[in-house]
Amino acid sequence: MTSEPTAPGSGQSLAAAVSEATAILRDAGVPSPRVDAELLADHLLGVGLGRLRAMMLGDSPAPAGYAELIAERARRIPLQHITGVAHFRYLELAVGPGVFIPRPETESVVQLVIDHVKGVAHPRIVDLGTGSGAIAGSLAHEVPGAEVHAVEFSPFAHAWAAKNLAPLGVKLVLGDMRNALPELNGTFDVVVSNPPYIPSEAIPNEPEVALHDPPEALYGGGADGMELPTAAAASAARLLVPGGYFVMEHAEIQSAWIAGMMKRTGVWTEITTHLDLNGKERATSAVLAGPHNE
């Protein structure tokens, strides 16, 4: 007969507590149990992962409150909701209930924009459906001289974005990507978007996504999830200067559909599908037809 494991942190060393926490999270189906166990310990200790791992070689005690955080994560509450922070490229973003947690694969979408505007002195960029502000904030941080705008429909997400983007000088508006910024039609060099694109009948596999990401940030509208991606492309055509650049994230299975949709409009050239770091078709870019590319 086996005894029940003790709660991680209750009189244990840091190393033993992290080991126990890793087992608990693994049993709960958490995809990265060891990493999450370490990150939650560091959230309480604030020493950085390098120092944390060094402390685990000695007899440092587990921090108070560690068992409670592990129990929350074992219930599949997102790690970022527990810590209040999401890391994205060079930014630490404040996140919590009501806002989509930015994903690592979106970092490659940001890089596409950065590569495109190299050599442009003062590019004007707008992020449609900014969520936490991850894309807009990264571009403001990494592109010197850029004028960055961001649009967000959800008041809850807008509040998180405002907190993240105000220090970076991004011009944030609360509005619908379908009709936002009409006064700036034809003035942007780049439009970027990671719109909701999950089909209405699809339910995400991960509890963290299905139960905690806001539905308005997930579902793209319609049976195929393509209403909002189509709207993002239409708004991009409205907002861009001739020859302007548009890039949009999507699910890998949607790349052919999106490329076809953009081709049928007759206003886009250089339609290109891009792979993320996992080799999946993650984004589509195009250039607005006009004097610069005729």
C-alpha atoms as a PDB file:
ATOM      1  CA  MET A   1       0.000   0.000   0.000  1.00  0.00           C
ATOM      2  CA  THR A   2       1.469   3.344  -1.060  1.00  0.00           C
ATOM      3  CA  SER A   3       1.156   6.516   0.964  1.00  0.00           C
ATOM      4  CA  GLU A   4      -0.248   9.713  -0.478  1.00  0.00           C
ATOM      5  CA  PRO A   5       2.427  12.192  -1.593  1.00  0.00           C
ATOM      6  CA  THR A   6       2.912  15.175   0.657  1.00  0.00           C
ATOM      7  CA  ALA A   7       1.957  18.555  -0.713  1.00  0.00           C
ATOM      8  CA  PRO A   8       5.013  20.114  -2.365  1.00  0.00           C
ATOM      9  CA  GLY A   9       6.602  22.638  -0.067  1.00  0.00           C
ATOM     10  CA  SER A  10       5.306  21.339   3.265  1.00  0.00           C
ATOM     11  CA  GLY A  11       8.570  21.068   5.179  1.00  0.00           C
ATOM     12  CA  GLN A  12      10.461  19.901   2.099  1.00  0.00           C
ATOM     13  CA  SER A  13      13.629  21.081   0.494  1.00  0.00           C
ATOM     14  CA  LEU A  14      13.239  23.112  -2.676  1.00  0.00           C
ATOM     15  CA  ALA A  15      14.547  20.219  -4.758  1.00  0.00           C
ATOM     16  CA  ALA A  16      12.132  17.709  -3.220  1.00  0.00           C
ATOM     17  CA  ALA A  17       9.196  20.098  -3.543  1.00  0.00           C
ATOM     18  CA  VAL A  18       9.886  20.788  -7.226  1.00  0.00           C
ATOM     19  CA  SER A  19      10.252  17.060  -7.868  1.00  0.00           C
ATOM     20  CA  GLU A  20       6.955  16.337  -6.120  1.00  0.00           C
ATOM     21  CA  ALA A  21       5.275  19.230  -7.932  1.00  0.00           C
ATOM     22  CA  THR A  22       6.525  17.922 -11.269  1.00  0.00           C
ATOM     23  CA  ALA A  23       4.914  14.539 -10.578  1.00  0.00           C
ATOM     24  CA  ILE A  24       1.617  16.166  -9.583  1.00  0.00           C
ATOM     25  CA  LEU A  25       1.523  18.309 -12.716  1.00  0.00           C
ATOM     26  CA  ARG A  26       2.490  15.385 -14.933  1.00  0.00           C
ATOM     27  CA  ASP A  27      -0.364  13.318 -13.481  1.00  0.00           C
ATOM     28  CA  ALA A  28      -2.711  16.241 -14.164  1.00  0.00           C
ATOM     29  CA  GLY A  29      -1.730  16.222 -17.840  1.00  0.00           C
ATOM     30  CA  VAL A  30       0.122  19.541 -17.818  1.00  0.00           C
ATOM     31  CA  PRO A  31       2.224  19.576 -21.011  1.00  0.00           C
ATOM     32  CA  SER A  32       5.458  20.893 -19.442  1.00  0.00           C
ATOM     33  CA  PRO A  33       5.313  19.784 -15.796  1.00  0.00           C
ATOM     34  CA  ARG A  34       8.970  20.302 -14.832  1.00  0.00           C
ATOM     35  CA  VAL A  35       9.221  23.736 -16.417  1.00  0.00           C
ATOM     36  CA  ASP A  36       5.964  24.877 -14.836  1.00  0.00           C
ATOM     37  CA  ALA A  37       7.010  23.547 -11.432  1.00  0.00           C
ATOM     38  CA  GLU A  38      10.233  25.542 -11.646  1.00  0.00           C
ATOM     39  CA  LEU A  39       8.525  28.685 -12.936  1.00  0.00           C
ATOM     40  CA  LEU A  40       6.009  28.650 -10.099  1.00  0.00           C
ATOM     41  CA  ALA A  41       8.790  28.228  -7.542  1.00  0.00           C
ATOM     42  CA  ASP A  42      10.647  31.132  -9.114  1.00  0.00           C
ATOM     43  CA  HIS A  43       7.452  33.200  -9.121  1.00  0.00           C
ATOM     44  CA  LEU A  44       7.534  33.008  -5.318  1.00  0.00           C
ATOM     45  CA  LEU A  45      11.295  33.326  -4.881  1.00  0.00           C
ATOM     46  CA  GLY A  46      12.070  35.810  -7.667  1.00  0.00           C
ATOM     47  CA  VAL A  47      15.656  34.652  -8.157  1.00  0.00           C
ATOM     48  CA  GLY A  48      15.620  33.618 -11.827  1.00  0.00           C
ATOM     49  CA  LEU A  49      15.709  30.061 -13.156  1.00  0.00           C
ATOM     50  CA  GLY A  50      19.503  29.833 -13.154  1.00  0.00           C
ATOM     51  CA  ARG A  51      19.749  30.714  -9.478  1.00  0.00           C
ATOM     52  CA  LEU A  52      16.722  28.552  -8.667  1.00  0.00           C
ATOM     53  CA  ARG A  53      18.389  25.489 -10.166  1.00  0.00           C
ATOM     54  CA  ALA A  54      21.567  26.229  -8.248  1.00  0.00           C
ATOM     55  CA  MET A  55      19.555  26.477  -5.019  1.00  0.00           C
ATOM     56  CA  MET A  56      18.043  23.070  -5.776  1.00  0.00           C
ATOM     57  CA  LEU A  57      21.502  21.517  -5.531  1.00  0.00           C
ATOM     58  CA  GLY A  58      21.652  22.473  -1.862  1.00  0.00           C
ATOM     59  CA  ASP A  59      19.209  22.265   0.999  1.00  0.00           C
ATOM     60  CA  SER A  60      17.262  25.478   0.396  1.00  0.00           C
ATOM     61  CA  PRO A  61      13.695  25.187   1.698  1.00  0.00           C
ATOM     62  CA  ALA A  62      10.642  25.329  -0.529  1.00  0.00           C
ATOM     63  CA  PRO A  63       8.881  28.695  -0.516  1.00  0.00           C
ATOM     64  CA  ALA A  64       5.699  29.262   1.438  1.00  0.00           C
ATOM     65  CA  GLY A  65       2.555  29.016  -0.660  1.00  0.00           C
ATOM     66  CA  TYR A  66       4.124  26.722  -3.264  1.00  0.00           C
ATOM     67  CA  ALA A  67       1.670  23.878  -2.732  1.00  0.00           C
ATOM     68  CA  GLU A  68      -1.272  26.198  -3.362  1.00  0.00           C
ATOM     69  CA  LEU A  69       0.135  27.401  -6.683  1.00  0.00           C
ATOM     70  CA  ILE A  70       0.848  23.850  -7.805  1.00  0.00           C
ATOM     71  CA  ALA A  71      -2.716  22.849  -6.923  1.00  0.00           C
ATOM     72  CA  GLU A  72      -4.043  25.691  -9.102  1.00  0.00           C
ATOM     73  CA  ARG A  73      -1.866  24.652 -12.034  1.00  0.00           C
ATOM     74  CA  ALA A  74      -2.929  21.023 -11.573  1.00  0.00           C
ATOM     75  CA  ARG A  75      -6.520  22.217 -12.099  1.00  0.00           C
ATOM     76  CA  ARG A  76      -5.221  23.438 -15.474  1.00  0.00           C
ATOM     77  CA  ILE A  77      -5.487  27.109 -14.631  1.00  0.00           C
ATOM     78  CA  PRO A  78      -3.045  28.721 -17.084  1.00  0.00           C
ATOM     79  CA  LEU A  79       0.417  29.322 -15.697  1.00  0.00           C
ATOM     80  CA  GLN A  80       0.220  32.934 -16.867  1.00  0.00           C
ATOM     81  CA  HIS A  81      -3.008  33.528 -14.938  1.00  0.00           C
ATOM     82  CA  ILE A  82      -1.314  32.308 -11.773  1.00  0.00           C
ATOM     83  CA  THR A  83       1.809  34.427 -12.222  1.00  0.00           C
ATOM     84  CA  GLY A  84       0.072  37.348 -13.951  1.00  0.00           C
ATOM     85  CA  VAL A  85       2.836  37.490 -16.559  1.00  0.00           C
ATOM     86  CA  ALA A  86       3.286  36.183 -20.109  1.00  0.00           C
ATOM     87  CA  HIS A  87       6.698  36.309 -21.757  1.00  0.00           C
ATOM     88  CA  PHE A  88       6.685  37.233 -25.446  1.00  0.00           C
ATOM     89  CA  ARG A  89       9.866  37.990 -27.359  1.00  0.00           C
ATOM     90  CA  TYR A  90      11.555  40.704 -25.244  1.00  0.00           C
ATOM     91  CA  LEU A  91       8.452  41.721 -23.297  1.00  0.00           C
ATOM     92  CA  GLU A  92       6.853  40.759 -20.010  1.00  0.00           C
ATOM     93  CA  LEU A  93       3.128  41.258 -20.503  1.00  0.00           C
ATOM     94  CA  ALA A  94       0.532  41.592 -17.770  1.00  0.00           C
ATOM     95  CA  VAL A  95      -2.220  39.039 -18.410  1.00  0.00           C
ATOM     96  CA  GLY A  96      -5.134  37.471 -16.612  1.00  0.00           C
ATOM     97  CA  PRO A  97      -8.773  36.447 -17.035  1.00  0.00           C
ATOM     98  CA  GLY A  98     -10.412  38.078 -20.043  1.00  0.00           C
ATOM     99  CA  VAL A  99      -7.395  38.209 -22.321  1.00  0.00           C
ATOM    100  CA  PHE A 100      -5.898  35.689 -24.752  1.00  0.00           C
ATOM    101  CA  ILE A 101      -2.523  34.362 -23.599  1.00  0.00           C
ATOM    102  CA  PRO A 102       0.028  35.079 -26.357  1.00  0.00           C
ATOM    103  CA  ARG A 103       1.611  31.998 -27.909  1.00  0.00           C
ATOM    104  CA  PRO A 104       5.257  31.455 -28.854  1.00  0.00           C
ATOM    105  CA  GLU A 105       4.335  30.742 -32.495  1.00  0.00           C
ATOM    106  CA  THR A 106       3.059  34.305 -32.863  1.00  0.00           C
ATOM    107  CA  GLU A 107       6.612  35.557 -32.322  1.00  0.00           C
ATOM    108  CA  SER A 108       7.405  34.479 -35.900  1.00  0.00           C
ATOM    109  CA  VAL A 109       4.610  36.752 -37.177  1.00  0.00           C
ATOM    110  CA  VAL A 110       6.264  39.695 -35.449  1.00  0.00           C
ATOM    111  CA  GLN A 111       9.565  38.768 -37.072  1.00  0.00           C
ATOM    112  CA  LEU A 112       7.978  38.863 -40.538  1.00  0.00           C
ATOM    113  CA  VAL A 113       6.977  42.487 -39.952  1.00  0.00           C
ATOM    114  CA  ILE A 114      10.374  43.421 -38.529  1.00  0.00           C
ATOM    115  CA  ASP A 115      12.130  41.924 -41.530  1.00  0.00           C
ATOM    116  CA  HIS A 116       9.792  43.700 -43.949  1.00  0.00           C
ATOM    117  CA  VAL A 117      10.254  47.205 -42.494  1.00  0.00           C
ATOM    118  CA  LYS A 118      14.040  47.095 -42.246  1.00  0.00           C
ATOM    119  CA  GLY A 119      15.336  50.252 -43.839  1.00  0.00           C
ATOM    120  CA  VAL A 120      12.002  52.086 -43.532  1.00  0.00           C
ATOM    121  CA  ALA A 121      12.618  55.243 -41.492  1.00  0.00           C
ATOM    122  CA  HIS A 122       9.263  55.706 -39.727  1.00  0.00           C
ATOM    123  CA  PRO A 123       6.889  52.872 -40.604  1.00  0.00           C
ATOM    124  CA  ARG A 124       3.225  53.227 -39.632  1.00  0.00           C
ATOM    125  CA  ILE A 125       1.931  49.897 -38.346  1.00  0.00           C
ATOM    126  CA  VAL A 126      -1.441  48.799 -37.014  1.00  0.00           C
ATOM    127  CA  ASP A 127      -2.259  45.582 -35.142  1.00  0.00           C
ATOM    128  CA  LEU A 128      -5.885  44.497 -35.567  1.00  0.00           C
ATOM    129  CA  GLY A 129      -7.216  42.516 -32.603  1.00  0.00           C
ATOM    130  CA  THR A 130      -4.243  43.160 -30.348  1.00  0.00           C
ATOM    131  CA  GLY A 131      -5.421  41.195 -27.290  1.00  0.00           C
ATOM    132  CA  SER A 132      -2.758  41.624 -24.609  1.00  0.00           C
ATOM    133  CA  GLY A 133      -0.773  43.860 -26.958  1.00  0.00           C
ATOM    134  CA  ALA A 134       1.922  41.279 -27.655  1.00  0.00           C
ATOM    135  CA  ILE A 135       2.365  42.013 -31.365  1.00  0.00           C
ATOM    136  CA  ALA A 136       1.939  45.787 -31.185  1.00  0.00           C
ATOM    137  CA  GLY A 137       4.136  46.067 -28.108  1.00  0.00           C
ATOM    138  CA  SER A 138       6.916  43.990 -29.619  1.00  0.00           C
ATOM    139  CA  LEU A 139       6.913  46.077 -32.792  1.00  0.00           C
ATOM    140  CA  ALA A 140       6.992  49.322 -30.840  1.00  0.00           C
ATOM    141  CA  HIS A 141       9.866  47.948 -28.773  1.00  0.00           C
ATOM    142  CA  GLU A 142      11.895  46.458 -31.613  1.00  0.00           C
ATOM    143  CA  VAL A 143      11.348  48.793 -34.580  1.00  0.00           C
ATOM    144  CA  PRO A 144      13.042  52.147 -33.974  1.00  0.00           C
ATOM    145  CA  GLY A 145      10.956  55.108 -35.103  1.00  0.00           C
ATOM    146  CA  ALA A 146       7.813  53.076 -35.757  1.00  0.00           C
ATOM    147  CA  GLU A 147       4.398  54.615 -35.177  1.00  0.00           C
ATOM    148  CA  VAL A 148       2.318  51.728 -33.883  1.00  0.00           C
ATOM    149  CA  HIS A 149      -1.462  51.609 -33.501  1.00  0.00           C
ATOM    150  CA  ALA A 150      -3.538  48.798 -32.036  1.00  0.00           C
ATOM    151  CA  VAL A 151      -7.240  47.940 -32.111  1.00  0.00           C
ATOM    152  CA  GLU A 152      -9.052  45.710 -29.605  1.00  0.00           C
ATOM    153  CA  PHE A 153     -12.784  44.934 -29.430  1.00  0.00           C
ATOM    154  CA  SER A 154     -13.074  43.353 -25.961  1.00  0.00           C
ATOM    155  CA  PRO A 155     -13.172  45.858 -23.071  1.00  0.00           C
ATOM    156  CA  PHE A 156     -11.483  43.267 -20.839  1.00  0.00           C
ATOM    157  CA  ALA A 157      -8.625  42.628 -23.247  1.00  0.00           C
ATOM    158  CA  HIS A 158      -8.395  46.356 -23.986  1.00  0.00           C
ATOM    159  CA  ALA A 159      -7.747  47.001 -20.290  1.00  0.00           C
ATOM    160  CA  TRP A 160      -4.836  44.539 -20.276  1.00  0.00           C
ATOM    161  CA  ALA A 161      -3.502  45.958 -23.549  1.00  0.00           C
ATOM    162  CA  ALA A 162      -3.662  49.495 -22.176  1.00  0.00           C
ATOM    163  CA  LYS A 163      -1.512  48.470 -19.231  1.00  0.00           C
ATOM    164  CA  ASN A 164       1.033  46.786 -21.488  1.00  0.00           C
ATOM    165  CA  LEU A 165       1.145  49.295 -24.330  1.00  0.00           C
ATOM    166  CA  ALA A 166       1.038  52.669 -22.582  1.00  0.00           C
ATOM    167  CA  PRO A 167       4.749  52.553 -21.617  1.00  0.00           C
ATOM    168  CA  LEU A 168       5.645  51.689 -25.224  1.00  0.00           C
ATOM    169  CA  GLY A 169       3.841  54.605 -26.843  1.00  0.00           C
ATOM    170  CA  VAL A 170       1.373  52.503 -28.834  1.00  0.00           C
ATOM    171  CA  LYS A 171      -1.838  54.288 -29.850  1.00  0.00           C
ATOM    172  CA  LEU A 172      -4.552  51.914 -28.628  1.00  0.00           C
ATOM    173  CA  VAL A 173      -8.239  52.200 -29.498  1.00  0.00           C
ATOM    174  CA  LEU A 174     -11.257  50.220 -28.356  1.00  0.00           C
ATOM    175  CA  GLY A 175     -13.023  49.188 -31.528  1.00  0.00           C
ATOM    176  CA  ASP A 176     -14.004  46.547 -34.051  1.00  0.00           C
ATOM    177  CA  MET A 177     -11.327  45.503 -36.530  1.00  0.00           C
ATOM    178  CA  ARG A 178     -14.022  45.449 -39.212  1.00  0.00           C
ATOM    179  CA  ASN A 179     -14.513  49.216 -39.212  1.00  0.00           C
ATOM    180  CA  ALA A 180     -11.877  50.734 -36.919  1.00  0.00           C
ATOM    181  CA  LEU A 181      -9.763  53.789 -37.772  1.00  0.00           C
ATOM    182  CA  PRO A 182     -11.693  54.975 -40.865  1.00  0.00           C
ATOM    183  CA  GLU A 183      -9.989  58.357 -40.528  1.00  0.00           C
ATOM    184  CA  LEU A 184      -6.655  56.627 -41.208  1.00  0.00           C
ATOM    185  CA  ASN A 185      -7.667  54.724 -44.346  1.00  0.00           C
ATOM    186  CA  GLY A 186      -4.806  54.405 -46.815  1.00  0.00           C
ATOM    187  CA  THR A 187      -2.111  55.586 -44.414  1.00  0.00           C
ATOM    188  CA  PHE A 188      -0.437  52.468 -42.984  1.00  0.00           C
ATOM    189  CA  ASP A 189       2.692  50.780 -44.287  1.00  0.00           C
ATOM    190  CA  VAL A 190       1.912  47.534 -42.446  1.00  0.00           C
ATOM    191  CA  VAL A 191      -1.217  45.861 -41.101  1.00  0.00           C
ATOM    192  CA  VAL A 192      -0.704  42.800 -38.909  1.00  0.00           C
ATOM    193  CA  SER A 193      -3.357  40.643 -37.280  1.00  0.00           C
ATOM    194  CA  ASN A 194      -3.783  37.491 -35.248  1.00  0.00           C
ATOM    195  CA  PRO A 195      -7.575  37.351 -35.451  1.00  0.00           C
ATOM    196  CA  PRO A 196      -9.790  34.693 -33.852  1.00  0.00           C
ATOM    197  CA  TYR A 197      -9.986  31.822 -36.339  1.00  0.00           C
ATOM    198  CA  ILE A 198     -11.243  28.644 -34.609  1.00  0.00           C
ATOM    199  CA  PRO A 199     -14.401  27.195 -36.264  1.00  0.00           C
ATOM    200  CA  SER A 200     -17.568  27.603 -34.208  1.00  0.00           C
ATOM    201  CA  GLU A 201     -18.024  23.862 -33.634  1.00  0.00           C
ATOM    202  CA  ALA A 202     -14.398  23.144 -32.730  1.00  0.00           C
ATOM    203  CA  ILE A 203     -13.461  22.832 -29.057  1.00  0.00           C
ATOM    204  CA  PRO A 204      -9.767  23.280 -28.205  1.00  0.00           C
ATOM    205  CA  ASN A 205      -8.142  20.200 -26.706  1.00  0.00           C
ATOM    206  CA  GLU A 206      -6.239  22.008 -23.961  1.00  0.00           C
ATOM    207  CA  PRO A 207      -8.301  22.890 -20.863  1.00  0.00           C
ATOM    208  CA  GLU A 208      -6.212  26.044 -20.444  1.00  0.00           C
ATOM    209  CA  VAL A 209      -7.534  27.265 -23.803  1.00  0.00           C
ATOM    210  CA  ALA A 210     -11.059  25.847 -23.754  1.00  0.00           C
ATOM    211  CA  LEU A 211     -11.862  26.992 -20.218  1.00  0.00           C
ATOM    212  CA  HIS A 212      -9.763  30.104 -19.705  1.00  0.00           C
ATOM    213  CA  ASP A 213      -9.067  31.914 -22.990  1.00  0.00           C
ATOM    214  CA  PRO A 214     -11.997  34.240 -23.760  1.00  0.00           C
ATOM    215  CA  PRO A 215     -14.283  32.831 -26.491  1.00  0.00           C
ATOM    216  CA  GLU A 216     -14.234  36.105 -28.426  1.00  0.00           C
ATOM    217  CA  ALA A 217     -10.475  35.687 -28.834  1.00  0.00           C
ATOM    218  CA  LEU A 218     -10.796  32.127 -30.143  1.00  0.00           C
ATOM    219  CA  TYR A 219     -13.744  31.725 -32.474  1.00  0.00           C
ATOM    220  CA  GLY A 220     -13.500  33.389 -35.856  1.00  0.00           C
ATOM    221  CA  GLY A 221     -17.198  33.327 -36.704  1.00  0.00           C
ATOM    222  CA  GLY A 222     -19.095  30.911 -38.920  1.00  0.00           C
ATOM    223  CA  ALA A 223     -18.748  27.173 -39.277  1.00  0.00           C
ATOM    224  CA  ASP A 224     -15.258  27.519 -40.761  1.00  0.00           C
ATOM    225  CA  GLY A 225     -14.046  30.281 -38.425  1.00  0.00           C
ATOM    226  CA  MET A 226     -13.216  32.523 -41.360  1.00  0.00           C
ATOM    227  CA  GLU A 227     -15.475  35.546 -40.824  1.00  0.00           C
ATOM    228  CA  LEU A 228     -12.990  37.559 -38.781  1.00  0.00           C
ATOM    229  CA  PRO A 229      -9.893  36.584 -40.801  1.00  0.00           C
ATOM    230  CA  THR A 230     -11.786  37.679 -43.925  1.00  0.00           C
ATOM    231  CA  ALA A 231     -12.736  40.924 -42.195  1.00  0.00           C
ATOM    232  CA  ALA A 232      -9.127  41.504 -41.122  1.00  0.00           C
ATOM    233  CA  ALA A 233      -7.980  41.168 -44.731  1.00  0.00           C
ATOM    234  CA  ALA A 234     -10.687  43.584 -45.913  1.00  0.00           C
ATOM    235  CA  SER A 235      -9.713  46.138 -43.277  1.00  0.00           C
ATOM    236  CA  ALA A 236      -6.063  45.738 -44.199  1.00  0.00           C
ATOM    237  CA  ALA A 237      -6.896  46.568 -47.826  1.00  0.00           C
ATOM    238  CA  ARG A 238      -8.730  49.656 -46.591  1.00  0.00           C
ATOM    239  CA  LEU A 239      -6.026  50.849 -44.209  1.00  0.00           C
ATOM    240  CA  LEU A 240      -2.852  50.226 -46.215  1.00  0.00           C
ATOM    241  CA  VAL A 241      -1.087  52.545 -48.619  1.00  0.00           C
ATOM    242  CA  PRO A 242      -0.682  51.088 -52.129  1.00  0.00           C
ATOM    243  CA  GLY A 243       2.203  48.663 -51.887  1.00  0.00           C
ATOM    244  CA  GLY A 244       1.589  48.199 -48.164  1.00  0.00           C
ATOM    245  CA  TYR A 245       2.246  44.891 -46.407  1.00  0.00           C
ATOM    246  CA  PHE A 246      -0.299  42.678 -44.648  1.00  0.00           C
ATOM    247  CA  VAL A 247       0.469  39.605 -42.546  1.00  0.00           C
ATOM    248  CA  MET A 248      -2.068  37.491 -40.682  1.00  0.00           C
ATOM    249  CA  GLU A 249      -1.720  34.488 -38.402  1.00  0.00           C
ATOM    250  CA  HIS A 250      -3.991  31.481 -38.862  1.00  0.00           C
ATOM    251  CA  ALA A 251      -4.257  27.747 -38.210  1.00  0.00           C
ATOM    252  CA  GLU A 252      -2.086  25.554 -40.402  1.00  0.00           C
ATOM    253  CA  ILE A 253      -5.101  23.892 -42.018  1.00  0.00           C
ATOM    254  CA  GLN A 254      -6.453  27.300 -43.097  1.00  0.00           C
ATOM    255  CA  SER A 255      -3.496  28.510 -45.161  1.00  0.00           C
ATOM    256  CA  ALA A 256      -4.797  27.381 -48.558  1.00  0.00           C
ATOM    257  CA  TRP A 257      -8.259  28.804 -47.871  1.00  0.00           C
ATOM    258  CA  ILE A 258      -6.853  32.178 -46.808  1.00  0.00           C
ATOM    259  CA  ALA A 259      -4.493  32.401 -49.766  1.00  0.00           C
ATOM    260  CA  GLY A 260      -7.403  31.586 -52.092  1.00  0.00           C
ATOM    261  CA  MET A 261      -9.683  34.140 -50.431  1.00  0.00           C
ATOM    262  CA  MET A 262      -7.067  36.871 -50.790  1.00  0.00           C
ATOM    263  CA  LYS A 263      -6.378  35.990 -54.404  1.00  0.00           C
ATOM    264  CA  ARG A 264     -10.094  36.157 -55.273  1.00  0.00           C
ATOM    265  CA  THR A 265     -10.371  39.727 -53.996  1.00  0.00           C
ATOM    266  CA  GLY A 266      -8.045  40.860 -56.774  1.00  0.00           C
ATOM    267  CA  VAL A 267      -6.357  43.494 -54.598  1.00  0.00           C
ATOM    268  CA  TRP A 268      -3.402  41.486 -53.284  1.00  0.00           C
ATOM    269  CA  THR A 269      -0.101  40.522 -54.864  1.00  0.00           C
ATOM    270  CA  GLU A 270       2.852  38.464 -53.581  1.00  0.00           C
ATOM    271  CA  ILE A 271       0.564  36.229 -51.500  1.00  0.00           C
ATOM    272  CA  THR A 272       2.923  34.049 -49.453  1.00  0.00           C
ATOM    273  CA  THR A 273       2.470  31.361 -46.806  1.00  0.00           C
ATOM    274  CA  HIS A 274       4.998  31.335 -43.957  1.00  0.00           C
ATOM    275  CA  LEU A 275       6.052  28.524 -41.613  1.00  0.00           C
ATOM    276  CA  ASP A 276       6.522  28.929 -37.869  1.00  0.00           C
ATOM    277  CA  LEU A 277       9.438  27.452 -35.922  1.00  0.00           C
ATOM    278  CA  ASN A 278       7.619  24.121 -35.763  1.00  0.00           C
ATOM    279  CA  GLY A 279       7.380  23.965 -39.556  1.00  0.00           C
ATOM    280  CA  LYS A 280       3.621  24.622 -39.575  1.00  0.00           C
ATOM    281  CA  GLU A 281       1.904  26.985 -42.013  1.00  0.00           C
ATOM    282  CA  ARG A 282       1.256  29.717 -39.482  1.00  0.00           C
ATOM    283  CA  ALA A 283       0.827  32.985 -41.398  1.00  0.00           C
ATOM    284  CA  THR A 284       0.026  34.469 -44.787  1.00  0.00           C
ATOM    285  CA  SER A 285       1.405  37.760 -46.084  1.00  0.00           C
ATOM    286  CA  ALA A 286       0.555  39.848 -49.128  1.00  0.00           C
ATOM    287  CA  VAL A 287       1.206  43.243 -50.676  1.00  0.00           C
ATOM    288  CA  LEU A 288      -1.632  45.612 -51.580  1.00  0.00           C
ATOM    289  CA  ALA A 289      -1.710  46.153 -55.333  1.00  0.00           C
ATOM    290  CA  GLY A 290      -0.987  49.692 -56.406  1.00  0.00           C
ATOM    291  CA  PRO A 291       1.520  52.050 -57.993  1.00  0.00           C
ATOM    292  CA  HIS A 292       4.482  50.583 -56.102  1.00  0.00           C
ATOM    293  CA  ASN A 293       4.111  47.091 -57.528  1.00  0.00           C
ATOM    294  CA  GLU A 294       2.445  47.452 -60.893  1.00  0.00           C
END
